[in-house]
Amino acid sequence: MRIILLGAPGSGKGTVAEALRAVYGFPKISTGDLLREAVREKTSLGLVAASQMGKGGLVDDATVLALLRERLAKADCQGGYVLDGFPRTLAQADSLEALGPAGPETVFDLQVSDETVLARLANRRTCPSCEAIYHLVNKPPKTPGVCDVCGTALVQRNDDTPEVIRERLKTYHAKTEPLIARYAAKGNLHVVDGNGPSEAEVRGVRRVLDPLLGRPGGAGK
């Protein structure tokens, strides 16, 4: 099964993907993670991506698709996987379908208000070493400003400032929201309220997946 998580920045896609991995065993596939890993390991595709990012641009779709194709060919993806933050555009959706079938496809639109996104991301802090994520209100570190896992000083990502968040939301509304109409027309789109706590969001997703995966009456209620 191919599970696609759509939603604005800060809608909880990463949290939901991790929960689905824990419950169903589906690997979480994030193109952002794939890019960072390729750059860190200096693979051929990573060198291409690093060159493009070093010039201040976005990594082109061809490079992202090549990384995704490599990842989906691995054994742990054969029974299904969760796509976190991909596709982002109609063109990427076309390219994803061109990679071939992946069994049933289920798409979730994690809907959140712009106000919720601003509140969540402005308070987000990340560890530059182990990439652990914290929230100053909902999930603060035990020691202020320090990662619980590795002790590295936490940072606020450059794209988590209010000014940048608003620009990211504009981009999302313009480029990614048309995907909602695409998948709605295909009949495989499910809308989940993402404004509440993450546990409620995960339950909303599982209410759809549990019956599809033969788990009626499971913990998704």
N, C-alpha and C. Protein backbone atom coordinates (compact mmCIF):
# COMPACT_ATOMS: atom_id res chain seq x y z
N MET A 1 0.84 -1.20 0.00
CA MET A 1 0.00 0.00 0.00
C MET A 1 0.87 1.25 0.00
N ARG A 2 0.51 2.17 -0.84
CA ARG A 2 1.16 3.48 -0.84
C ARG A 2 0.27 4.46 -0.07
N ILE A 3 0.81 5.01 1.01
CA ILE A 3 0.09 5.99 1.81
C ILE A 3 0.75 7.34 1.60
N ILE A 4 -0.04 8.32 1.19
CA ILE A 4 0.47 9.67 0.92
C ILE A 4 -0.12 10.62 1.96
N LEU A 5 0.75 11.37 2.62
CA LEU A 5 0.31 12.36 3.60
C LEU A 5 0.48 13.75 3.01
N LEU A 6 -0.65 14.43 2.78
CA LEU A 6 -0.64 15.82 2.34
C LEU A 6 -0.93 16.72 3.53
N GLY A 7 -0.43 17.93 3.47
CA GLY A 7 -0.70 18.87 4.56
C GLY A 7 0.32 19.99 4.55
N ALA A 8 -0.08 21.11 5.09
CA ALA A 8 0.81 22.28 5.15
C ALA A 8 1.99 21.98 6.06
N PRO A 9 3.04 22.80 5.99
CA PRO A 9 4.14 22.66 6.96
C PRO A 9 3.58 22.75 8.37
N GLY A 10 4.00 21.85 9.25
CA GLY A 10 3.50 21.87 10.62
C GLY A 10 2.17 21.17 10.82
N SER A 11 1.68 20.47 9.80
CA SER A 11 0.39 19.79 9.92
C SER A 11 0.50 18.46 10.65
N GLY A 12 1.71 18.00 10.90
CA GLY A 12 1.88 16.75 11.63
C GLY A 12 2.20 15.55 10.78
N LYS A 13 2.62 15.77 9.52
CA LYS A 13 2.90 14.65 8.62
C LYS A 13 3.97 13.72 9.18
N GLY A 14 5.05 14.30 9.69
CA GLY A 14 6.14 13.48 10.21
C GLY A 14 5.71 12.67 11.41
N THR A 15 4.93 13.27 12.30
CA THR A 15 4.46 12.57 13.49
C THR A 15 3.54 11.42 13.11
N VAL A 16 2.63 11.67 12.18
CA VAL A 16 1.71 10.61 11.73
C VAL A 16 2.50 9.49 11.05
N ALA A 17 3.45 9.85 10.21
CA ALA A 17 4.24 8.83 9.50
C ALA A 17 4.99 7.94 10.48
N GLU A 18 5.56 8.54 11.52
CA GLU A 18 6.26 7.75 12.53
C GLU A 18 5.30 6.81 13.26
N ALA A 19 4.10 7.29 13.55
CA ALA A 19 3.11 6.46 14.23
C ALA A 19 2.69 5.28 13.36
N LEU A 20 2.51 5.52 12.08
CA LEU A 20 2.12 4.45 11.17
C LEU A 20 3.23 3.42 11.02
N ARG A 21 4.47 3.89 11.06
CA ARG A 21 5.60 2.97 11.01
C ARG A 21 5.60 2.05 12.25
N ALA A 22 5.31 2.63 13.39
CA ALA A 22 5.30 1.85 14.62
C ALA A 22 4.15 0.84 14.65
N VAL A 23 3.00 1.23 14.12
CA VAL A 23 1.81 0.37 14.20
C VAL A 23 1.80 -0.70 13.11
N TYR A 24 2.08 -0.27 11.85
CA TYR A 24 1.93 -1.18 10.72
C TYR A 24 3.25 -1.69 10.15
N GLY A 25 4.35 -1.06 10.52
CA GLY A 25 5.64 -1.46 9.99
C GLY A 25 5.99 -0.84 8.65
N PHE A 26 5.16 0.09 8.16
CA PHE A 26 5.45 0.75 6.89
C PHE A 26 6.58 1.77 7.08
N PRO A 27 7.63 1.71 6.28
CA PRO A 27 8.69 2.70 6.42
C PRO A 27 8.21 4.10 6.06
N LYS A 28 8.75 5.08 6.77
CA LYS A 28 8.46 6.48 6.48
C LYS A 28 9.46 6.96 5.44
N ILE A 29 8.95 7.47 4.32
CA ILE A 29 9.82 7.96 3.25
C ILE A 29 9.64 9.47 3.14
N SER A 30 10.67 10.20 3.54
CA SER A 30 10.66 11.66 3.44
C SER A 30 11.74 12.07 2.45
N THR A 31 11.35 12.81 1.41
CA THR A 31 12.35 13.23 0.44
C THR A 31 13.37 14.17 1.07
N GLY A 32 12.95 14.93 2.07
CA GLY A 32 13.90 15.79 2.77
C GLY A 32 14.97 14.96 3.46
N ASP A 33 14.55 13.87 4.13
CA ASP A 33 15.51 12.97 4.78
C ASP A 33 16.43 12.31 3.75
N LEU A 34 15.84 11.90 2.62
CA LEU A 34 16.65 11.27 1.58
C LEU A 34 17.71 12.22 1.05
N LEU A 35 17.33 13.48 0.85
CA LEU A 35 18.29 14.47 0.36
C LEU A 35 19.41 14.71 1.37
N ARG A 36 19.03 14.87 2.63
CA ARG A 36 20.06 15.13 3.65
C ARG A 36 21.02 13.95 3.79
N GLU A 37 20.48 12.74 3.71
CA GLU A 37 21.33 11.56 3.82
C GLU A 37 22.28 11.46 2.63
N ALA A 38 21.75 11.71 1.43
CA ALA A 38 22.59 11.62 0.23
C ALA A 38 23.70 12.67 0.25
N VAL A 39 23.37 13.88 0.70
CA VAL A 39 24.37 14.94 0.80
C VAL A 39 25.41 14.58 1.85
N ARG A 40 24.95 14.08 2.98
CA ARG A 40 25.87 13.72 4.07
C ARG A 40 26.83 12.60 3.64
N GLU A 41 26.31 11.62 2.88
CA GLU A 41 27.13 10.49 2.47
C GLU A 41 27.88 10.76 1.17
N LYS A 42 27.62 11.92 0.55
CA LYS A 42 28.33 12.34 -0.67
C LYS A 42 28.17 11.33 -1.80
N THR A 43 26.95 10.81 -1.94
CA THR A 43 26.66 9.93 -3.08
C THR A 43 26.62 10.78 -4.34
N SER A 44 26.55 10.12 -5.49
CA SER A 44 26.53 10.87 -6.75
C SER A 44 25.32 11.79 -6.82
N LEU A 45 24.16 11.28 -6.39
CA LEU A 45 22.97 12.12 -6.38
C LEU A 45 23.08 13.19 -5.30
N GLY A 46 23.73 12.84 -4.19
CA GLY A 46 23.92 13.81 -3.12
C GLY A 46 24.78 14.97 -3.54
N LEU A 47 25.79 14.71 -4.35
CA LEU A 47 26.66 15.78 -4.84
C LEU A 47 25.89 16.71 -5.77
N VAL A 48 25.02 16.13 -6.58
CA VAL A 48 24.17 16.95 -7.47
C VAL A 48 23.26 17.84 -6.63
N ALA A 49 22.61 17.23 -5.62
CA ALA A 49 21.70 17.99 -4.76
C ALA A 49 22.43 19.08 -4.00
N ALA A 50 23.62 18.76 -3.47
CA ALA A 50 24.39 19.74 -2.71
C ALA A 50 24.78 20.93 -3.58
N SER A 51 25.11 20.66 -4.84
CA SER A 51 25.47 21.74 -5.76
C SER A 51 24.28 22.67 -5.99
N GLN A 52 23.10 22.10 -6.15
CA GLN A 52 21.91 22.91 -6.40
C GLN A 52 21.53 23.71 -5.15
N MET A 53 21.60 23.06 -3.97
CA MET A 53 21.24 23.75 -2.74
C MET A 53 22.26 24.82 -2.40
N GLY A 54 23.52 24.57 -2.76
CA GLY A 54 24.57 25.53 -2.48
C GLY A 54 24.41 26.83 -3.24
N LYS A 55 23.68 26.76 -4.34
CA LYS A 55 23.41 27.96 -5.14
C LYS A 55 22.13 28.66 -4.70
N GLY A 56 21.53 28.15 -3.62
CA GLY A 56 20.32 28.77 -3.10
C GLY A 56 19.05 28.33 -3.78
N GLY A 57 19.12 27.30 -4.63
CA GLY A 57 17.94 26.86 -5.36
C GLY A 57 17.34 25.61 -4.77
N LEU A 58 16.22 25.18 -5.34
CA LEU A 58 15.58 23.95 -4.94
C LEU A 58 16.18 22.80 -5.75
N VAL A 59 16.19 21.63 -5.16
CA VAL A 59 16.67 20.45 -5.87
C VAL A 59 15.64 20.07 -6.93
N ASP A 60 16.11 19.82 -8.15
CA ASP A 60 15.18 19.56 -9.25
C ASP A 60 14.45 18.24 -9.07
N ASP A 61 13.28 18.15 -9.70
CA ASP A 61 12.44 16.97 -9.55
C ASP A 61 13.13 15.70 -10.00
N ALA A 62 13.96 15.79 -11.05
CA ALA A 62 14.62 14.59 -11.56
C ALA A 62 15.53 13.96 -10.50
N THR A 63 16.25 14.80 -9.76
CA THR A 63 17.15 14.29 -8.72
C THR A 63 16.34 13.70 -7.57
N VAL A 64 15.27 14.40 -7.17
CA VAL A 64 14.41 13.90 -6.09
C VAL A 64 13.79 12.57 -6.48
N LEU A 65 13.31 12.46 -7.72
CA LEU A 65 12.69 11.22 -8.18
C LEU A 65 13.70 10.09 -8.23
N ALA A 66 14.93 10.39 -8.61
CA ALA A 66 15.96 9.35 -8.65
C ALA A 66 16.24 8.81 -7.25
N LEU A 67 16.31 9.70 -6.27
CA LEU A 67 16.50 9.28 -4.88
C LEU A 67 15.32 8.44 -4.40
N LEU A 68 14.12 8.88 -4.75
CA LEU A 68 12.92 8.17 -4.33
C LEU A 68 12.87 6.79 -4.98
N ARG A 69 13.23 6.71 -6.24
CA ARG A 69 13.21 5.42 -6.95
C ARG A 69 14.16 4.43 -6.27
N GLU A 70 15.35 4.91 -5.90
CA GLU A 70 16.31 4.05 -5.20
C GLU A 70 15.74 3.54 -3.88
N ARG A 71 15.10 4.44 -3.14
CA ARG A 71 14.59 4.07 -1.81
C ARG A 71 13.44 3.07 -1.93
N LEU A 72 12.53 3.29 -2.87
CA LEU A 72 11.36 2.43 -2.99
C LEU A 72 11.72 1.05 -3.52
N ALA A 73 12.91 0.91 -4.10
CA ALA A 73 13.35 -0.39 -4.61
C ALA A 73 13.85 -1.30 -3.49
N LYS A 74 14.04 -0.77 -2.29
CA LYS A 74 14.55 -1.57 -1.18
C LYS A 74 13.46 -2.50 -0.64
N ALA A 75 13.93 -3.58 -0.02
CA ALA A 75 13.03 -4.67 0.38
C ALA A 75 11.96 -4.22 1.36
N ASP A 76 12.29 -3.28 2.25
CA ASP A 76 11.31 -2.91 3.29
C ASP A 76 10.13 -2.14 2.74
N CYS A 77 10.20 -1.71 1.49
CA CYS A 77 9.09 -0.96 0.88
C CYS A 77 8.13 -1.85 0.09
N GLN A 78 8.48 -3.12 -0.05
CA GLN A 78 7.68 -3.97 -0.93
C GLN A 78 6.28 -4.22 -0.41
N GLY A 79 6.11 -4.17 0.92
CA GLY A 79 4.77 -4.39 1.48
C GLY A 79 3.98 -3.13 1.69
N GLY A 80 4.59 -1.98 1.41
CA GLY A 80 3.92 -0.69 1.60
C GLY A 80 4.85 0.32 2.21
N TYR A 81 4.47 1.59 2.10
CA TYR A 81 5.30 2.66 2.64
C TYR A 81 4.46 3.92 2.79
N VAL A 82 4.99 4.86 3.57
CA VAL A 82 4.31 6.12 3.82
C VAL A 82 5.16 7.25 3.24
N LEU A 83 4.58 8.06 2.38
CA LEU A 83 5.27 9.21 1.81
C LEU A 83 4.94 10.47 2.61
N ASP A 84 5.95 11.04 3.22
CA ASP A 84 5.81 12.22 4.06
C ASP A 84 6.27 13.45 3.27
N GLY A 85 5.28 14.23 2.79
CA GLY A 85 5.63 15.47 2.10
C GLY A 85 5.94 15.32 0.63
N PHE A 86 5.56 14.23 0.02
CA PHE A 86 5.73 14.03 -1.42
C PHE A 86 4.55 13.21 -1.91
N PRO A 87 3.96 13.61 -3.03
CA PRO A 87 4.30 14.73 -3.91
C PRO A 87 3.82 16.08 -3.36
N ARG A 88 4.45 17.14 -3.88
CA ARG A 88 4.07 18.50 -3.50
C ARG A 88 3.38 19.25 -4.63
N THR A 89 3.52 18.74 -5.84
CA THR A 89 2.93 19.40 -7.01
C THR A 89 2.26 18.35 -7.89
N LEU A 90 1.44 18.83 -8.83
CA LEU A 90 0.80 17.92 -9.77
C LEU A 90 1.83 17.21 -10.63
N ALA A 91 2.89 17.91 -11.01
CA ALA A 91 3.93 17.29 -11.83
C ALA A 91 4.61 16.16 -11.07
N GLN A 92 4.87 16.36 -9.77
CA GLN A 92 5.47 15.31 -8.96
C GLN A 92 4.53 14.12 -8.80
N ALA A 93 3.24 14.39 -8.72
CA ALA A 93 2.25 13.31 -8.63
C ALA A 93 2.28 12.46 -9.89
N ASP A 94 2.39 13.12 -11.05
CA ASP A 94 2.50 12.39 -12.31
C ASP A 94 3.74 11.51 -12.32
N SER A 95 4.86 12.07 -11.84
CA SER A 95 6.12 11.32 -11.82
C SER A 95 6.04 10.14 -10.86
N LEU A 96 5.37 10.33 -9.75
CA LEU A 96 5.22 9.25 -8.78
C LEU A 96 4.44 8.10 -9.38
N GLU A 97 3.37 8.40 -10.07
CA GLU A 97 2.57 7.34 -10.68
C GLU A 97 3.35 6.62 -11.77
N ALA A 98 4.27 7.36 -12.42
CA ALA A 98 5.08 6.75 -13.48
C ALA A 98 6.10 5.76 -12.93
N LEU A 99 6.37 5.82 -11.62
CA LEU A 99 7.30 4.86 -11.02
C LEU A 99 6.70 3.46 -10.98
N GLY A 100 5.40 3.38 -11.15
CA GLY A 100 4.77 2.07 -11.17
C GLY A 100 3.80 1.91 -10.02
N PRO A 101 2.98 0.87 -10.08
CA PRO A 101 1.98 0.63 -9.04
C PRO A 101 2.63 0.23 -7.72
N ALA A 102 1.96 0.53 -6.63
CA ALA A 102 2.45 0.16 -5.30
C ALA A 102 1.30 -0.45 -4.49
N GLY A 103 0.41 -1.17 -5.18
CA GLY A 103 -0.76 -1.69 -4.50
C GLY A 103 -1.77 -0.58 -4.31
N PRO A 104 -2.71 -0.75 -3.40
CA PRO A 104 -3.71 0.29 -3.15
C PRO A 104 -3.04 1.59 -2.71
N GLU A 105 -3.61 2.69 -3.13
CA GLU A 105 -3.07 4.02 -2.76
C GLU A 105 -4.12 4.74 -1.91
N THR A 106 -3.70 5.20 -0.73
CA THR A 106 -4.58 5.93 0.17
C THR A 106 -3.94 7.26 0.51
N VAL A 107 -4.71 8.33 0.37
CA VAL A 107 -4.17 9.68 0.56
C VAL A 107 -4.91 10.37 1.70
N PHE A 108 -4.14 11.04 2.56
CA PHE A 108 -4.72 11.79 3.67
C PHE A 108 -4.36 13.26 3.54
N ASP A 109 -5.37 14.10 3.71
CA ASP A 109 -5.18 15.55 3.77
C ASP A 109 -5.28 15.96 5.23
N LEU A 110 -4.13 16.27 5.84
CA LEU A 110 -4.11 16.68 7.24
C LEU A 110 -4.36 18.18 7.30
N GLN A 111 -5.60 18.55 7.56
CA GLN A 111 -6.00 19.95 7.48
C GLN A 111 -5.73 20.69 8.78
N VAL A 112 -5.01 21.80 8.67
CA VAL A 112 -4.74 22.67 9.81
C VAL A 112 -4.90 24.12 9.36
N SER A 113 -5.25 24.97 10.31
CA SER A 113 -5.36 26.39 10.00
C SER A 113 -3.98 27.02 9.94
N ASP A 114 -3.88 28.14 9.24
CA ASP A 114 -2.60 28.86 9.18
C ASP A 114 -2.16 29.29 10.57
N GLU A 115 -3.11 29.65 11.42
CA GLU A 115 -2.78 30.08 12.79
C GLU A 115 -2.14 28.93 13.57
N THR A 116 -2.66 27.71 13.38
CA THR A 116 -2.09 26.55 14.06
C THR A 116 -0.67 26.29 13.58
N VAL A 117 -0.46 26.41 12.29
CA VAL A 117 0.88 26.20 11.72
C VAL A 117 1.88 27.20 12.31
N LEU A 118 1.49 28.46 12.36
CA LEU A 118 2.38 29.49 12.90
C LEU A 118 2.74 29.20 14.36
N ALA A 119 1.74 28.80 15.14
CA ALA A 119 1.99 28.51 16.56
C ALA A 119 2.91 27.31 16.72
N ARG A 120 2.72 26.29 15.89
CA ARG A 120 3.52 25.09 16.02
C ARG A 120 4.98 25.32 15.58
N LEU A 121 5.15 25.89 14.42
CA LEU A 121 6.50 25.98 13.87
C LEU A 121 7.34 27.05 14.54
N ALA A 122 6.73 28.13 14.98
CA ALA A 122 7.51 29.17 15.65
C ALA A 122 8.11 28.67 16.95
N ASN A 123 7.49 27.63 17.53
CA ASN A 123 7.98 27.07 18.79
C ASN A 123 8.76 25.77 18.59
N ARG A 124 9.02 25.39 17.36
CA ARG A 124 9.75 24.15 17.09
C ARG A 124 11.25 24.39 17.20
N ARG A 125 11.94 23.43 17.79
CA ARG A 125 13.40 23.46 17.87
C ARG A 125 13.91 22.08 17.45
N THR A 126 15.04 22.05 16.78
CA THR A 126 15.59 20.80 16.29
C THR A 126 17.03 20.65 16.73
N CYS A 127 17.47 19.40 16.78
CA CYS A 127 18.86 19.09 17.10
C CYS A 127 19.63 18.95 15.80
N PRO A 128 20.66 19.77 15.57
CA PRO A 128 21.41 19.68 14.32
C PRO A 128 22.26 18.43 14.22
N SER A 129 22.41 17.71 15.34
CA SER A 129 23.24 16.51 15.34
C SER A 129 22.43 15.24 15.06
N CYS A 130 21.44 14.96 15.92
CA CYS A 130 20.67 13.71 15.75
C CYS A 130 19.29 13.95 15.12
N GLU A 131 18.95 15.21 14.84
CA GLU A 131 17.70 15.60 14.17
C GLU A 131 16.46 15.35 15.01
N ALA A 132 16.61 15.19 16.33
CA ALA A 132 15.44 15.10 17.21
C ALA A 132 14.69 16.43 17.18
N ILE A 133 13.36 16.36 17.33
CA ILE A 133 12.52 17.56 17.22
C ILE A 133 11.81 17.81 18.55
N TYR A 134 11.78 19.08 18.96
CA TYR A 134 11.13 19.47 20.20
C TYR A 134 10.16 20.62 19.93
N HIS A 135 9.28 20.86 20.90
CA HIS A 135 8.37 21.99 20.84
C HIS A 135 8.41 22.67 22.20
N LEU A 136 8.61 23.97 22.22
CA LEU A 136 8.82 24.68 23.48
C LEU A 136 7.62 24.58 24.41
N VAL A 137 6.44 24.34 23.85
CA VAL A 137 5.22 24.24 24.68
C VAL A 137 4.80 22.79 24.87
N ASN A 138 4.66 22.05 23.76
CA ASN A 138 4.09 20.70 23.82
C ASN A 138 5.10 19.60 24.12
N LYS A 139 6.37 19.81 23.73
CA LYS A 139 7.39 18.78 23.93
C LYS A 139 8.74 19.45 24.21
N PRO A 140 8.85 20.14 25.34
CA PRO A 140 10.11 20.84 25.63
C PRO A 140 11.20 19.87 26.04
N PRO A 141 12.48 20.21 25.79
CA PRO A 141 13.57 19.37 26.26
C PRO A 141 13.67 19.43 27.78
N LYS A 142 14.27 18.40 28.38
CA LYS A 142 14.39 18.36 29.84
C LYS A 142 15.24 19.53 30.34
N THR A 143 16.31 19.82 29.60
CA THR A 143 17.15 20.98 29.89
C THR A 143 16.92 22.01 28.80
N PRO A 144 16.47 23.22 29.14
CA PRO A 144 16.17 24.21 28.10
C PRO A 144 17.32 24.41 27.13
N GLY A 145 16.99 24.29 25.84
CA GLY A 145 17.96 24.56 24.79
C GLY A 145 18.93 23.44 24.50
N VAL A 146 18.75 22.26 25.14
CA VAL A 146 19.69 21.16 24.96
C VAL A 146 18.94 19.89 24.59
N CYS A 147 19.47 19.14 23.61
CA CYS A 147 18.83 17.91 23.15
C CYS A 147 18.90 16.84 24.24
N ASP A 148 17.76 16.20 24.52
CA ASP A 148 17.70 15.12 25.50
C ASP A 148 18.53 13.91 25.06
N VAL A 149 18.63 13.70 23.74
CA VAL A 149 19.24 12.48 23.21
C VAL A 149 20.77 12.55 23.21
N CYS A 150 21.31 13.66 22.68
CA CYS A 150 22.77 13.71 22.49
C CYS A 150 23.44 14.91 23.16
N GLY A 151 22.66 15.80 23.77
CA GLY A 151 23.25 16.92 24.49
C GLY A 151 23.68 18.10 23.64
N THR A 152 23.34 18.07 22.34
CA THR A 152 23.70 19.16 21.44
C THR A 152 22.76 20.35 21.65
N ALA A 153 23.27 21.55 21.45
CA ALA A 153 22.43 22.75 21.57
C ALA A 153 21.38 22.75 20.46
N LEU A 154 20.12 23.00 20.84
CA LEU A 154 19.03 23.03 19.88
C LEU A 154 19.05 24.33 19.09
N VAL A 155 18.48 24.26 17.88
CA VAL A 155 18.44 25.44 17.02
C VAL A 155 17.03 25.61 16.46
N GLN A 156 16.73 26.83 16.04
CA GLN A 156 15.50 27.08 15.30
C GLN A 156 15.85 27.10 13.84
N ARG A 157 15.19 26.25 13.05
CA ARG A 157 15.47 26.22 11.62
C ARG A 157 15.18 27.57 10.99
N ASN A 158 15.96 27.90 9.97
CA ASN A 158 15.77 29.18 9.29
C ASN A 158 14.36 29.33 8.71
N ASP A 159 13.77 28.21 8.33
CA ASP A 159 12.43 28.27 7.72
C ASP A 159 11.31 28.15 8.75
N ASP A 160 11.65 28.24 10.04
CA ASP A 160 10.63 28.20 11.09
C ASP A 160 10.37 29.56 11.72
N THR A 161 10.90 30.61 11.13
CA THR A 161 10.59 31.95 11.62
C THR A 161 9.24 32.38 11.06
N PRO A 162 8.49 33.24 11.76
CA PRO A 162 7.13 33.61 11.30
C PRO A 162 7.09 34.14 9.87
N GLU A 163 8.09 34.94 9.50
CA GLU A 163 8.09 35.52 8.15
C GLU A 163 8.21 34.43 7.09
N VAL A 164 9.13 33.50 7.33
CA VAL A 164 9.34 32.44 6.35
C VAL A 164 8.16 31.46 6.35
N ILE A 165 7.59 31.22 7.51
CA ILE A 165 6.44 30.32 7.60
C ILE A 165 5.30 30.83 6.72
N ARG A 166 5.05 32.13 6.78
CA ARG A 166 3.96 32.69 5.96
C ARG A 166 4.22 32.50 4.48
N GLU A 167 5.49 32.63 4.06
CA GLU A 167 5.83 32.41 2.65
C GLU A 167 5.67 30.94 2.28
N ARG A 168 6.05 30.05 3.20
CA ARG A 168 5.89 28.62 2.94
C ARG A 168 4.42 28.26 2.79
N LEU A 169 3.57 28.90 3.60
CA LEU A 169 2.14 28.63 3.50
C LEU A 169 1.58 29.12 2.16
N LYS A 170 2.05 30.26 1.70
CA LYS A 170 1.61 30.75 0.39
C LYS A 170 1.96 29.76 -0.70
N THR A 171 3.19 29.24 -0.64
CA THR A 171 3.63 28.26 -1.63
C THR A 171 2.79 27.00 -1.55
N TYR A 172 2.49 26.56 -0.33
CA TYR A 172 1.69 25.36 -0.17
C TYR A 172 0.30 25.54 -0.77
N HIS A 173 -0.35 26.64 -0.42
CA HIS A 173 -1.70 26.87 -0.92
C HIS A 173 -1.73 26.94 -2.45
N ALA A 174 -0.67 27.51 -3.03
CA ALA A 174 -0.65 27.69 -4.49
C ALA A 174 -0.31 26.40 -5.23
N LYS A 175 0.64 25.63 -4.71
CA LYS A 175 1.16 24.50 -5.48
C LYS A 175 0.67 23.13 -5.01
N THR A 176 0.47 22.98 -3.72
CA THR A 176 0.15 21.65 -3.20
C THR A 176 -1.34 21.41 -3.09
N GLU A 177 -2.12 22.45 -2.77
CA GLU A 177 -3.55 22.24 -2.62
C GLU A 177 -4.24 21.68 -3.86
N PRO A 178 -3.77 21.99 -5.10
CA PRO A 178 -4.40 21.35 -6.26
C PRO A 178 -4.34 19.82 -6.22
N LEU A 179 -3.38 19.27 -5.48
CA LEU A 179 -3.31 17.81 -5.34
C LEU A 179 -4.55 17.27 -4.65
N ILE A 180 -5.13 18.06 -3.75
CA ILE A 180 -6.31 17.61 -3.02
C ILE A 180 -7.44 17.31 -4.00
N ALA A 181 -7.64 18.20 -4.96
CA ALA A 181 -8.69 17.99 -5.96
C ALA A 181 -8.37 16.77 -6.82
N ARG A 182 -7.11 16.57 -7.12
CA ARG A 182 -6.70 15.42 -7.95
C ARG A 182 -7.08 14.10 -7.26
N TYR A 183 -6.68 13.98 -5.99
CA TYR A 183 -6.93 12.71 -5.31
C TYR A 183 -8.40 12.56 -4.92
N ALA A 184 -9.07 13.67 -4.68
CA ALA A 184 -10.51 13.59 -4.42
C ALA A 184 -11.23 13.02 -5.63
N ALA A 185 -10.80 13.44 -6.81
CA ALA A 185 -11.41 12.94 -8.04
C ALA A 185 -11.14 11.45 -8.23
N LYS A 186 -9.99 10.99 -7.73
CA LYS A 186 -9.66 9.57 -7.83
C LYS A 186 -10.43 8.74 -6.81
N GLY A 187 -10.99 9.41 -5.79
CA GLY A 187 -11.77 8.70 -4.78
C GLY A 187 -10.97 8.06 -3.68
N ASN A 188 -9.70 8.45 -3.52
CA ASN A 188 -8.87 7.84 -2.48
C ASN A 188 -8.38 8.85 -1.44
N LEU A 189 -9.04 10.00 -1.38
CA LEU A 189 -8.65 11.06 -0.45
C LEU A 189 -9.49 11.00 0.82
N HIS A 190 -8.81 11.15 1.97
CA HIS A 190 -9.49 11.19 3.27
C HIS A 190 -9.00 12.43 4.02
N VAL A 191 -9.95 13.23 4.50
CA VAL A 191 -9.62 14.46 5.22
C VAL A 191 -9.59 14.19 6.71
N VAL A 192 -8.51 14.65 7.36
CA VAL A 192 -8.33 14.46 8.80
C VAL A 192 -8.06 15.82 9.44
N ASP A 193 -8.76 16.12 10.53
CA ASP A 193 -8.54 17.37 11.24
C ASP A 193 -7.21 17.29 11.98
N GLY A 194 -6.29 18.20 11.64
CA GLY A 194 -4.97 18.21 12.26
C GLY A 194 -4.76 19.33 13.24
N ASN A 195 -5.82 20.02 13.64
CA ASN A 195 -5.67 21.17 14.53
C ASN A 195 -5.52 20.77 16.00
N GLY A 196 -5.94 19.56 16.32
CA GLY A 196 -5.89 19.12 17.71
C GLY A 196 -4.58 18.43 18.05
N PRO A 197 -4.55 17.67 19.14
CA PRO A 197 -3.34 16.96 19.54
C PRO A 197 -2.99 15.88 18.53
N SER A 198 -1.70 15.53 18.48
CA SER A 198 -1.23 14.56 17.49
C SER A 198 -1.89 13.20 17.66
N GLU A 199 -2.22 12.83 18.91
CA GLU A 199 -2.85 11.53 19.14
C GLU A 199 -4.20 11.44 18.43
N ALA A 200 -4.96 12.53 18.45
CA ALA A 200 -6.26 12.54 17.77
C ALA A 200 -6.08 12.46 16.26
N GLU A 201 -5.04 13.12 15.76
CA GLU A 201 -4.76 13.09 14.32
C GLU A 201 -4.42 11.67 13.88
N VAL A 202 -3.58 11.00 14.65
CA VAL A 202 -3.21 9.62 14.32
C VAL A 202 -4.43 8.71 14.37
N ARG A 203 -5.30 8.91 15.37
CA ARG A 203 -6.52 8.09 15.44
C ARG A 203 -7.39 8.30 14.22
N GLY A 204 -7.48 9.54 13.75
CA GLY A 204 -8.27 9.81 12.56
C GLY A 204 -7.76 9.08 11.34
N VAL A 205 -6.45 8.99 11.20
CA VAL A 205 -5.85 8.27 10.08
C VAL A 205 -6.07 6.77 10.24
N ARG A 206 -5.91 6.28 11.44
CA ARG A 206 -6.06 4.84 11.66
C ARG A 206 -7.50 4.37 11.51
N ARG A 207 -8.45 5.25 11.74
CA ARG A 207 -9.85 4.86 11.53
C ARG A 207 -10.09 4.46 10.08
N VAL A 208 -9.31 5.03 9.18
CA VAL A 208 -9.41 4.67 7.76
C VAL A 208 -8.57 3.43 7.46
N LEU A 209 -7.35 3.39 7.97
CA LEU A 209 -6.41 2.34 7.59
C LEU A 209 -6.70 0.99 8.25
N ASP A 210 -7.15 1.00 9.50
CA ASP A 210 -7.35 -0.26 10.20
C ASP A 210 -8.26 -1.22 9.42
N PRO A 211 -9.44 -0.77 8.96
CA PRO A 211 -10.29 -1.69 8.18
C PRO A 211 -9.65 -2.10 6.85
N LEU A 212 -8.94 -1.15 6.20
CA LEU A 212 -8.31 -1.47 4.92
C LEU A 212 -7.23 -2.54 5.08
N LEU A 213 -6.58 -2.53 6.25
CA LEU A 213 -5.49 -3.46 6.48
C LEU A 213 -5.92 -4.67 7.32
N GLY A 214 -7.23 -4.85 7.42
CA GLY A 214 -7.73 -6.01 8.14
C GLY A 214 -7.64 -5.91 9.63
N ARG A 215 -7.73 -4.68 10.15
CA ARG A 215 -7.69 -4.49 11.61
C ARG A 215 -8.97 -3.81 12.09
N PRO A 216 -10.12 -4.30 11.74
CA PRO A 216 -11.37 -3.66 12.21
C PRO A 216 -11.45 -3.67 13.72
N GLY A 217 -11.89 -2.54 14.27
CA GLY A 217 -12.03 -2.45 15.71
C GLY A 217 -10.72 -2.26 16.44
N GLY A 218 -9.67 -1.86 15.68
CA GLY A 218 -8.36 -1.69 16.29
C GLY A 218 -8.25 -0.40 17.06
N ALA A 219 -7.00 -0.05 17.39
CA ALA A 219 -6.75 1.11 18.24
C ALA A 219 -7.03 2.42 17.53
N GLY A 220 -7.43 2.37 16.25
CA GLY A 220 -7.70 3.61 15.55
C GLY A 220 -8.98 4.28 15.95
N LYS A 221 -9.76 3.64 16.82
CA LYS A 221 -11.03 4.25 17.23
C LYS A 221 -10.80 5.43 18.14
